[in-house]
Amino acid sequence: MIIKIDNSELDELKIYKTLRDNIMRADGSFIADSPKVVNLLLESDIEVKSILATQEYYDEYKSLIASKNIPKLYLASKELMQTIVGHKIHHNCMMHGLRPKDVGADELGDKILMLDGITSSENVGSIARSAAAFGVESYMLPTSSPHPFNRRALRVSMGYASFLKIHIYEDIVKSIESLKKKGYRIYAAEVSDNSTPLSEVKVADKWVLLMGHEGRGISSEILQICDEVVTIEMQKGVKSFNVGVAASIMLYQFNL
């Protein structure tokens, strides 16, 4: 049932304004923006609490919306939607859903993309999208990094974070040591004197690719406990790629 909205101050709509990029609620709530992201999530098993959209969106995607058991479908003009969220928007729909529960380390697959201290939501989302594209279903992030289901990260991933098994770890050293005991080979993406050129790396059957902080990279202490350091060959004088670009290049090579 569609509920027509003419009051932007309704309590049930406040989550669309208050659930900003880096805010995570204990109940797992998240907000998704834009038809492409929302529609991808509607095709998944994610629980949807409500949709806030214009009549045009409901008319165009009537069949897809009807395929889900969505408790509340809020109808508003684009202008009213902007009043509700508190800023200008370039789309005509939003969704309030509950993200899948983060998985335990024992539930991860044979190919893992692991982040070490990434601070940018855009990078977290971009890397999630690349991981999904190359079939790397397991995504490990520290508690200090943005969650892939935060608002901006989910938008940048185009919703493909929903394809991944997400594991949040607390201690990187303990996590790497545990993974090695389970038979994973740990590859660190970093520039070092003893690094293997990406084109020459021999990828193990079970592997973890570790991407470092945007500015600091991966510390020497962490590099020492990894099995191999891998570097993308670049022109002389160019020191590095953006971490999201680097992850895409490496994931492509690792899946050849």
C-alpha atoms as a PDB file:
ATOM      1  CA  MET A   1       0.000   0.000   0.000  1.00  0.00           C
ATOM      2  CA  ILE A   2       1.379   3.397  -0.992  1.00  0.00           C
ATOM      3  CA  ILE A   3       1.262   6.098   1.678  1.00  0.00           C
ATOM      4  CA  LYS A   4       1.140   9.634   0.294  1.00  0.00           C
ATOM      5  CA  ILE A   5       3.285  12.037   2.311  1.00  0.00           C
ATOM      6  CA  ASP A   6       2.626  15.752   2.667  1.00  0.00           C
ATOM      7  CA  ASN A   7       4.420  16.309   5.984  1.00  0.00           C
ATOM      8  CA  SER A   8       8.231  16.116   6.039  1.00  0.00           C
ATOM      9  CA  GLU A   9       8.343  15.975   9.843  1.00  0.00           C
ATOM     10  CA  LEU A  10       6.776  12.544  10.302  1.00  0.00           C
ATOM     11  CA  ASP A  11       8.755  10.476  12.837  1.00  0.00           C
ATOM     12  CA  GLU A  12       8.915   7.412  10.595  1.00  0.00           C
ATOM     13  CA  LEU A  13      10.728   9.416   7.918  1.00  0.00           C
ATOM     14  CA  LYS A  14      13.448  10.821  10.157  1.00  0.00           C
ATOM     15  CA  ILE A  15      15.764   7.892   9.488  1.00  0.00           C
ATOM     16  CA  TYR A  16      16.138   9.093   5.889  1.00  0.00           C
ATOM     17  CA  LYS A  17      17.747  12.259   7.237  1.00  0.00           C
ATOM     18  CA  THR A  18      19.523  11.089  10.384  1.00  0.00           C
ATOM     19  CA  LEU A  19      21.197   7.940   9.036  1.00  0.00           C
ATOM     20  CA  ARG A  20      24.192   9.722   7.510  1.00  0.00           C
ATOM     21  CA  ASP A  21      27.262   8.210   5.876  1.00  0.00           C
ATOM     22  CA  ASN A  22      29.236   6.978   8.876  1.00  0.00           C
ATOM     23  CA  ILE A  23      26.368   6.318  11.273  1.00  0.00           C
ATOM     24  CA  MET A  24      25.600   2.673  11.976  1.00  0.00           C
ATOM     25  CA  ARG A  25      22.575   1.643  14.014  1.00  0.00           C
ATOM     26  CA  ALA A  26      22.559  -1.372  16.270  1.00  0.00           C
ATOM     27  CA  ASP A  27      19.560  -2.849  14.461  1.00  0.00           C
ATOM     28  CA  GLY A  28      21.496  -2.996  11.177  1.00  0.00           C
ATOM     29  CA  SER A  29      19.498  -0.262   9.448  1.00  0.00           C
ATOM     30  CA  PHE A  30      20.923   1.313   6.314  1.00  0.00           C
ATOM     31  CA  ILE A  31      19.713   3.777   3.689  1.00  0.00           C
ATOM     32  CA  ALA A  32      20.181   3.156  -0.030  1.00  0.00           C
ATOM     33  CA  ASP A  33      19.910   5.900  -2.660  1.00  0.00           C
ATOM     34  CA  SER A  34      18.979   5.892  -6.372  1.00  0.00           C
ATOM     35  CA  PRO A  35      16.984   3.445  -8.510  1.00  0.00           C
ATOM     36  CA  LYS A  36      20.001   1.399  -9.631  1.00  0.00           C
ATOM     37  CA  VAL A  37      21.094   0.677  -6.068  1.00  0.00           C
ATOM     38  CA  VAL A  38      17.605   0.201  -4.655  1.00  0.00           C
ATOM     39  CA  ASN A  39      16.514  -2.101  -7.486  1.00  0.00           C
ATOM     40  CA  LEU A  40      19.594  -4.288  -7.119  1.00  0.00           C
ATOM     41  CA  LEU A  41      18.867  -4.655  -3.419  1.00  0.00           C
ATOM     42  CA  LEU A  42      15.205  -5.410  -4.115  1.00  0.00           C
ATOM     43  CA  GLU A  43      16.377  -8.400  -6.172  1.00  0.00           C
ATOM     44  CA  SER A  44      18.302  -9.745  -3.157  1.00  0.00           C
ATOM     45  CA  ASP A  45      17.141 -11.340   0.097  1.00  0.00           C
ATOM     46  CA  ILE A  46      17.747  -8.156   2.088  1.00  0.00           C
ATOM     47  CA  GLU A  47      14.884  -7.167   4.380  1.00  0.00           C
ATOM     48  CA  VAL A  48      13.305  -3.901   3.257  1.00  0.00           C
ATOM     49  CA  LYS A  49      11.571  -1.735   5.862  1.00  0.00           C
ATOM     50  CA  SER A  50      10.328   1.059   3.606  1.00  0.00           C
ATOM     51  CA  ILE A  51      10.787   2.931   0.334  1.00  0.00           C
ATOM     52  CA  LEU A  52      10.540   6.689  -0.092  1.00  0.00           C
ATOM     53  CA  ALA A  53      10.020   7.594  -3.747  1.00  0.00           C
ATOM     54  CA  THR A  54       8.149   9.596  -6.353  1.00  0.00           C
ATOM     55  CA  GLN A  55       5.152   8.395  -8.352  1.00  0.00           C
ATOM     56  CA  GLU A  56       7.399   8.007 -11.402  1.00  0.00           C
ATOM     57  CA  TYR A  57       9.548   5.455  -9.587  1.00  0.00           C
ATOM     58  CA  TYR A  58       6.559   3.446  -8.361  1.00  0.00           C
ATOM     59  CA  ASP A  59       5.009   3.428 -11.846  1.00  0.00           C
ATOM     60  CA  GLU A  60       8.208   2.315 -13.588  1.00  0.00           C
ATOM     61  CA  TYR A  61       9.140  -0.482 -11.177  1.00  0.00           C
ATOM     62  CA  LYS A  62       5.701  -1.626 -10.087  1.00  0.00           C
ATOM     63  CA  SER A  63       6.339  -5.326 -10.733  1.00  0.00           C
ATOM     64  CA  LEU A  64       9.685  -5.385  -8.915  1.00  0.00           C
ATOM     65  CA  ILE A  65       8.233  -3.619  -5.875  1.00  0.00           C
ATOM     66  CA  ALA A  66       5.249  -5.964  -5.813  1.00  0.00           C
ATOM     67  CA  SER A  67       7.610  -8.962  -5.688  1.00  0.00           C
ATOM     68  CA  LYS A  68       8.807  -7.919  -2.228  1.00  0.00           C
ATOM     69  CA  ASN A  69       6.851  -7.783   1.003  1.00  0.00           C
ATOM     70  CA  ILE A  70       7.590  -4.149   1.865  1.00  0.00           C
ATOM     71  CA  PRO A  71       5.717  -2.841   4.923  1.00  0.00           C
ATOM     72  CA  LYS A  72       5.629   0.840   3.914  1.00  0.00           C
ATOM     73  CA  LEU A  73       5.838   2.569   0.546  1.00  0.00           C
ATOM     74  CA  TYR A  74       6.028   6.322   1.029  1.00  0.00           C
ATOM     75  CA  LEU A  75       5.063   8.570  -1.880  1.00  0.00           C
ATOM     76  CA  ALA A  76       6.431  12.122  -2.087  1.00  0.00           C
ATOM     77  CA  SER A  77       7.420  14.670  -4.670  1.00  0.00           C
ATOM     78  CA  LYS A  78      11.134  15.079  -5.342  1.00  0.00           C
ATOM     79  CA  GLU A  79      10.978  18.503  -3.698  1.00  0.00           C
ATOM     80  CA  LEU A  80       9.469  17.025  -0.544  1.00  0.00           C
ATOM     81  CA  MET A  81      12.037  14.228  -0.565  1.00  0.00           C
ATOM     82  CA  GLN A  82      14.771  16.876  -0.548  1.00  0.00           C
ATOM     83  CA  THR A  83      13.116  18.562   2.418  1.00  0.00           C
ATOM     84  CA  ILE A  84      12.952  15.244   4.257  1.00  0.00           C
ATOM     85  CA  VAL A  85      16.634  14.351   3.730  1.00  0.00           C
ATOM     86  CA  GLY A  86      17.859  17.917   4.174  1.00  0.00           C
ATOM     87  CA  HIS A  87      19.852  18.320   0.965  1.00  0.00           C
ATOM     88  CA  LYS A  88      19.528  18.299  -2.819  1.00  0.00           C
ATOM     89  CA  ILE A  89      19.158  14.874  -4.418  1.00  0.00           C
ATOM     90  CA  HIS A  90      19.641  13.718  -8.010  1.00  0.00           C
ATOM     91  CA  HIS A  91      17.433  10.641  -7.871  1.00  0.00           C
ATOM     92  CA  ASN A  92      13.818   9.780  -7.140  1.00  0.00           C
ATOM     93  CA  CYS A  93      13.923   6.939  -4.647  1.00  0.00           C
ATOM     94  CA  MET A  94      15.476   5.826  -1.354  1.00  0.00           C
ATOM     95  CA  MET A  95      15.190   2.670   0.670  1.00  0.00           C
ATOM     96  CA  HIS A  96      15.435   1.779   4.366  1.00  0.00           C
ATOM     97  CA  GLY A  97      16.633  -1.782   4.814  1.00  0.00           C
ATOM     98  CA  LEU A  98      18.390  -4.072   7.256  1.00  0.00           C
ATOM     99  CA  ARG A  99      21.868  -5.117   6.193  1.00  0.00           C
ATOM    100  CA  PRO A 100      22.834  -8.807   6.280  1.00  0.00           C
ATOM    101  CA  LYS A 101      24.657  -9.857   9.428  1.00  0.00           C
ATOM    102  CA  ASP A 102      28.437  -9.750   9.196  1.00  0.00           C
ATOM    103  CA  VAL A 103      29.847 -13.264   8.881  1.00  0.00           C
ATOM    104  CA  GLY A 104      32.399 -15.054  11.034  1.00  0.00           C
ATOM    105  CA  ALA A 105      35.928 -15.768   9.816  1.00  0.00           C
ATOM    106  CA  ASP A 106      35.075 -19.457   9.352  1.00  0.00           C
ATOM    107  CA  GLU A 107      32.389 -18.563   6.797  1.00  0.00           C
ATOM    108  CA  LEU A 108      34.753 -16.816   4.364  1.00  0.00           C
ATOM    109  CA  GLY A 109      35.631 -18.295   0.975  1.00  0.00           C
ATOM    110  CA  ASP A 110      38.958 -19.220  -0.602  1.00  0.00           C
ATOM    111  CA  LYS A 111      39.474 -15.719  -2.062  1.00  0.00           C
ATOM    112  CA  ILE A 112      39.510 -12.808   0.372  1.00  0.00           C
ATOM    113  CA  LEU A 113      39.983  -9.083  -0.120  1.00  0.00           C
ATOM    114  CA  MET A 114      41.237  -7.596   3.171  1.00  0.00           C
ATOM    115  CA  LEU A 115      41.607  -3.919   4.049  1.00  0.00           C
ATOM    116  CA  ASP A 116      44.083  -2.461   6.519  1.00  0.00           C
ATOM    117  CA  GLY A 117      42.836   0.870   7.865  1.00  0.00           C
ATOM    118  CA  ILE A 118      41.074   2.277   4.794  1.00  0.00           C
ATOM    119  CA  THR A 119      39.345   5.486   5.917  1.00  0.00           C
ATOM    120  CA  SER A 120      37.413   6.581   2.820  1.00  0.00           C
ATOM    121  CA  SER A 121      33.835   5.401   2.329  1.00  0.00           C
ATOM    122  CA  GLU A 122      34.306   5.893  -1.411  1.00  0.00           C
ATOM    123  CA  ASN A 123      37.286   3.528  -1.447  1.00  0.00           C
ATOM    124  CA  VAL A 124      35.461   0.936   0.642  1.00  0.00           C
ATOM    125  CA  GLY A 125      32.548   1.065  -1.800  1.00  0.00           C
ATOM    126  CA  SER A 126      34.713   1.078  -4.925  1.00  0.00           C
ATOM    127  CA  ILE A 127      36.728  -1.921  -3.734  1.00  0.00           C
ATOM    128  CA  ALA A 128      33.526  -3.792  -2.822  1.00  0.00           C
ATOM    129  CA  ARG A 129      32.228  -3.268  -6.355  1.00  0.00           C
ATOM    130  CA  SER A 130      35.477  -4.558  -7.862  1.00  0.00           C
ATOM    131  CA  ALA A 131      35.522  -7.577  -5.559  1.00  0.00           C
ATOM    132  CA  ALA A 132      31.975  -8.488  -6.618  1.00  0.00           C
ATOM    133  CA  ALA A 133      32.859  -7.977 -10.288  1.00  0.00           C
ATOM    134  CA  PHE A 134      35.780 -10.406 -10.090  1.00  0.00           C
ATOM    135  CA  GLY A 135      33.952 -12.994  -8.013  1.00  0.00           C
ATOM    136  CA  VAL A 136      35.887 -12.396  -4.797  1.00  0.00           C
ATOM    137  CA  GLU A 137      33.008 -12.916  -2.398  1.00  0.00           C
ATOM    138  CA  SER A 138      34.767 -12.367   0.933  1.00  0.00           C
ATOM    139  CA  TYR A 139      35.535  -8.885   2.248  1.00  0.00           C
ATOM    140  CA  MET A 140      37.432  -8.274   5.491  1.00  0.00           C
ATOM    141  CA  LEU A 141      37.584  -4.840   7.096  1.00  0.00           C
ATOM    142  CA  PRO A 142      38.815  -3.512  10.452  1.00  0.00           C
ATOM    143  CA  THR A 143      36.432  -1.969  12.948  1.00  0.00           C
ATOM    144  CA  SER A 144      38.054   1.411  12.197  1.00  0.00           C
ATOM    145  CA  SER A 145      37.055   1.418   8.507  1.00  0.00           C
ATOM    146  CA  PRO A 146      33.677   2.543   7.134  1.00  0.00           C
ATOM    147  CA  HIS A 147      31.242  -0.338   6.811  1.00  0.00           C
ATOM    148  CA  PRO A 148      30.367  -1.346   3.206  1.00  0.00           C
ATOM    149  CA  PHE A 149      26.705  -0.714   4.028  1.00  0.00           C
ATOM    150  CA  ASN A 150      27.175   2.838   5.196  1.00  0.00           C
ATOM    151  CA  ARG A 151      25.320   5.252   2.973  1.00  0.00           C
ATOM    152  CA  ARG A 152      28.134   6.558   0.775  1.00  0.00           C
ATOM    153  CA  ALA A 153      30.025   3.254   0.526  1.00  0.00           C
ATOM    154  CA  LEU A 154      26.871   1.424  -0.542  1.00  0.00           C
ATOM    155  CA  ARG A 155      26.132   4.103  -3.143  1.00  0.00           C
ATOM    156  CA  VAL A 156      29.649   3.893  -4.614  1.00  0.00           C
ATOM    157  CA  SER A 157      29.497   0.091  -4.682  1.00  0.00           C
ATOM    158  CA  MET A 158      26.209   0.449  -6.644  1.00  0.00           C
ATOM    159  CA  GLY A 159      24.710  -1.985  -4.132  1.00  0.00           C
ATOM    160  CA  TYR A 160      27.156  -4.772  -4.996  1.00  0.00           C
ATOM    161  CA  ALA A 161      28.364  -4.863  -1.391  1.00  0.00           C
ATOM    162  CA  SER A 162      25.269  -7.022  -0.927  1.00  0.00           C
ATOM    163  CA  PHE A 163      26.992  -9.730  -3.009  1.00  0.00           C
ATOM    164  CA  LEU A 164      29.800 -10.096  -0.476  1.00  0.00           C
ATOM    165  CA  LYS A 165      30.428 -11.962   2.759  1.00  0.00           C
ATOM    166  CA  ILE A 166      31.529  -9.174   5.070  1.00  0.00           C
ATOM    167  CA  HIS A 167      33.716  -9.892   8.084  1.00  0.00           C
ATOM    168  CA  ILE A 168      34.768  -7.162  10.518  1.00  0.00           C
ATOM    169  CA  TYR A 169      37.973  -7.860  12.435  1.00  0.00           C
ATOM    170  CA  GLU A 170      39.509  -6.178  15.486  1.00  0.00           C
ATOM    171  CA  ASP A 171      43.184  -7.168  15.431  1.00  0.00           C
ATOM    172  CA  ILE A 172      44.969  -7.424  12.096  1.00  0.00           C
ATOM    173  CA  VAL A 173      47.933  -9.433  13.381  1.00  0.00           C
ATOM    174  CA  LYS A 174      45.737 -12.057  15.032  1.00  0.00           C
ATOM    175  CA  SER A 175      43.506 -12.162  11.960  1.00  0.00           C
ATOM    176  CA  ILE A 176      46.414 -12.730   9.558  1.00  0.00           C
ATOM    177  CA  GLU A 177      47.934 -15.390  11.784  1.00  0.00           C
ATOM    178  CA  SER A 178      44.574 -17.156  12.005  1.00  0.00           C
ATOM    179  CA  LEU A 179      44.131 -17.048   8.232  1.00  0.00           C
ATOM    180  CA  LYS A 180      47.595 -18.492   7.666  1.00  0.00           C
ATOM    181  CA  LYS A 181      46.784 -21.386   9.980  1.00  0.00           C
ATOM    182  CA  LYS A 182      43.718 -22.078   7.838  1.00  0.00           C
ATOM    183  CA  GLY A 183      45.896 -22.428   4.755  1.00  0.00           C
ATOM    184  CA  TYR A 184      45.588 -19.004   3.165  1.00  0.00           C
ATOM    185  CA  ARG A 185      48.561 -17.362   1.520  1.00  0.00           C
ATOM    186  CA  ILE A 186      48.679 -13.672   2.425  1.00  0.00           C
ATOM    187  CA  TYR A 187      49.639 -11.251  -0.351  1.00  0.00           C
ATOM    188  CA  ALA A 188      50.313  -7.640   0.642  1.00  0.00           C
ATOM    189  CA  ALA A 189      49.867  -4.926  -1.973  1.00  0.00           C
ATOM    190  CA  GLU A 190      52.813  -2.616  -1.341  1.00  0.00           C
ATOM    191  CA  VAL A 191      55.947  -1.177  -2.905  1.00  0.00           C
ATOM    192  CA  SER A 192      59.078  -2.690  -1.345  1.00  0.00           C
ATOM    193  CA  ASP A 193      62.606  -3.744  -2.294  1.00  0.00           C
ATOM    194  CA  ASN A 194      61.696  -7.441  -2.302  1.00  0.00           C
ATOM    195  CA  SER A 195      58.232  -7.253  -3.842  1.00  0.00           C
ATOM    196  CA  THR A 196      57.046  -9.518  -6.653  1.00  0.00           C
ATOM    197  CA  PRO A 197      55.864  -7.752  -9.836  1.00  0.00           C
ATOM    198  CA  LEU A 198      52.138  -8.367 -10.244  1.00  0.00           C
ATOM    199  CA  SER A 199      52.604  -9.937 -13.684  1.00  0.00           C
ATOM    200  CA  GLU A 200      54.904 -12.587 -12.170  1.00  0.00           C
ATOM    201  CA  VAL A 201      52.974 -13.535  -9.046  1.00  0.00           C
ATOM    202  CA  LYS A 202      51.897 -17.171  -8.700  1.00  0.00           C
ATOM    203  CA  VAL A 203      48.543 -17.124  -6.969  1.00  0.00           C
ATOM    204  CA  ALA A 204      47.740 -19.860  -4.451  1.00  0.00           C
ATOM    205  CA  ASP A 205      44.416 -21.703  -4.377  1.00  0.00           C
ATOM    206  CA  LYS A 206      43.500 -20.039  -1.089  1.00  0.00           C
ATOM    207  CA  TRP A 207      44.571 -16.443  -0.837  1.00  0.00           C
ATOM    208  CA  VAL A 208      44.112 -13.113   0.901  1.00  0.00           C
ATOM    209  CA  LEU A 209      44.946  -9.845  -0.836  1.00  0.00           C
ATOM    210  CA  LEU A 210      45.699  -7.139   1.716  1.00  0.00           C
ATOM    211  CA  MET A 211      45.270  -3.499   0.670  1.00  0.00           C
ATOM    212  CA  GLY A 212      46.754  -0.790   2.890  1.00  0.00           C
ATOM    213  CA  HIS A 213      45.817   2.644   4.163  1.00  0.00           C
ATOM    214  CA  GLU A 214      45.379   5.383   1.545  1.00  0.00           C
ATOM    215  CA  GLY A 215      48.343   7.390   2.826  1.00  0.00           C
ATOM    216  CA  ARG A 216      50.490   5.165   5.022  1.00  0.00           C
ATOM    217  CA  GLY A 217      50.134   1.951   3.066  1.00  0.00           C
ATOM    218  CA  ILE A 218      50.957  -1.225   4.990  1.00  0.00           C
ATOM    219  CA  SER A 219      53.365  -0.994   7.914  1.00  0.00           C
ATOM    220  CA  SER A 220      56.664  -2.889   7.930  1.00  0.00           C
ATOM    221  CA  GLU A 221      55.464  -4.877  10.933  1.00  0.00           C
ATOM    222  CA  ILE A 222      52.465  -6.173   8.993  1.00  0.00           C
ATOM    223  CA  LEU A 223      54.504  -6.813   5.851  1.00  0.00           C
ATOM    224  CA  GLN A 224      56.814  -9.080   7.841  1.00  0.00           C
ATOM    225  CA  ILE A 225      54.000 -11.466   8.716  1.00  0.00           C
ATOM    226  CA  CYS A 226      52.571 -11.597   5.181  1.00  0.00           C
ATOM    227  CA  ASP A 227      53.756 -14.362   2.870  1.00  0.00           C
ATOM    228  CA  GLU A 228      54.513 -12.186  -0.151  1.00  0.00           C
ATOM    229  CA  VAL A 229      54.550  -8.528  -1.134  1.00  0.00           C
ATOM    230  CA  VAL A 230      53.163  -7.729  -4.582  1.00  0.00           C
ATOM    231  CA  THR A 231      53.685  -4.520  -6.571  1.00  0.00           C
ATOM    232  CA  ILE A 232      52.001  -3.234  -9.703  1.00  0.00           C
ATOM    233  CA  GLU A 233      54.594  -2.322 -12.302  1.00  0.00           C
ATOM    234  CA  MET A 234      54.460   1.414 -13.057  1.00  0.00           C
ATOM    235  CA  GLN A 235      56.337   3.981 -15.054  1.00  0.00           C
ATOM    236  CA  LYS A 236      59.430   5.435 -13.401  1.00  0.00           C
ATOM    237  CA  GLY A 237      58.568   8.376 -11.198  1.00  0.00           C
ATOM    238  CA  VAL A 238      54.998   7.223 -10.486  1.00  0.00           C
ATOM    239  CA  LYS A 239      54.826   5.950  -6.927  1.00  0.00           C
ATOM    240  CA  SER A 240      51.329   4.585  -6.517  1.00  0.00           C
ATOM    241  CA  PHE A 241      47.736   4.225  -7.659  1.00  0.00           C
ATOM    242  CA  ASN A 242      44.624   5.154  -5.746  1.00  0.00           C
ATOM    243  CA  VAL A 243      43.897   2.152  -3.532  1.00  0.00           C
ATOM    244  CA  GLY A 244      40.582   1.474  -5.282  1.00  0.00           C
ATOM    245  CA  VAL A 245      42.272   1.423  -8.700  1.00  0.00           C
ATOM    246  CA  ALA A 246      45.111  -0.722  -7.379  1.00  0.00           C
ATOM    247  CA  ALA A 247      42.658  -3.241  -5.912  1.00  0.00           C
ATOM    248  CA  SER A 248      40.865  -3.562  -9.257  1.00  0.00           C
ATOM    249  CA  ILE A 249      44.094  -4.160 -11.183  1.00  0.00           C
ATOM    250  CA  MET A 250      45.327  -6.737  -8.687  1.00  0.00           C
ATOM    251  CA  LEU A 251      42.005  -8.571  -8.463  1.00  0.00           C
ATOM    252  CA  TYR A 252      41.920  -8.882 -12.250  1.00  0.00           C
ATOM    253  CA  GLN A 253      45.418 -10.404 -12.311  1.00  0.00           C
ATOM    254  CA  PHE A 254      44.711 -12.673  -9.350  1.00  0.00           C
ATOM    255  CA  ASN A 255      41.715 -14.132 -11.197  1.00  0.00           C
ATOM    256  CA  LEU A 256      43.478 -14.902 -14.485  1.00  0.00           C
END
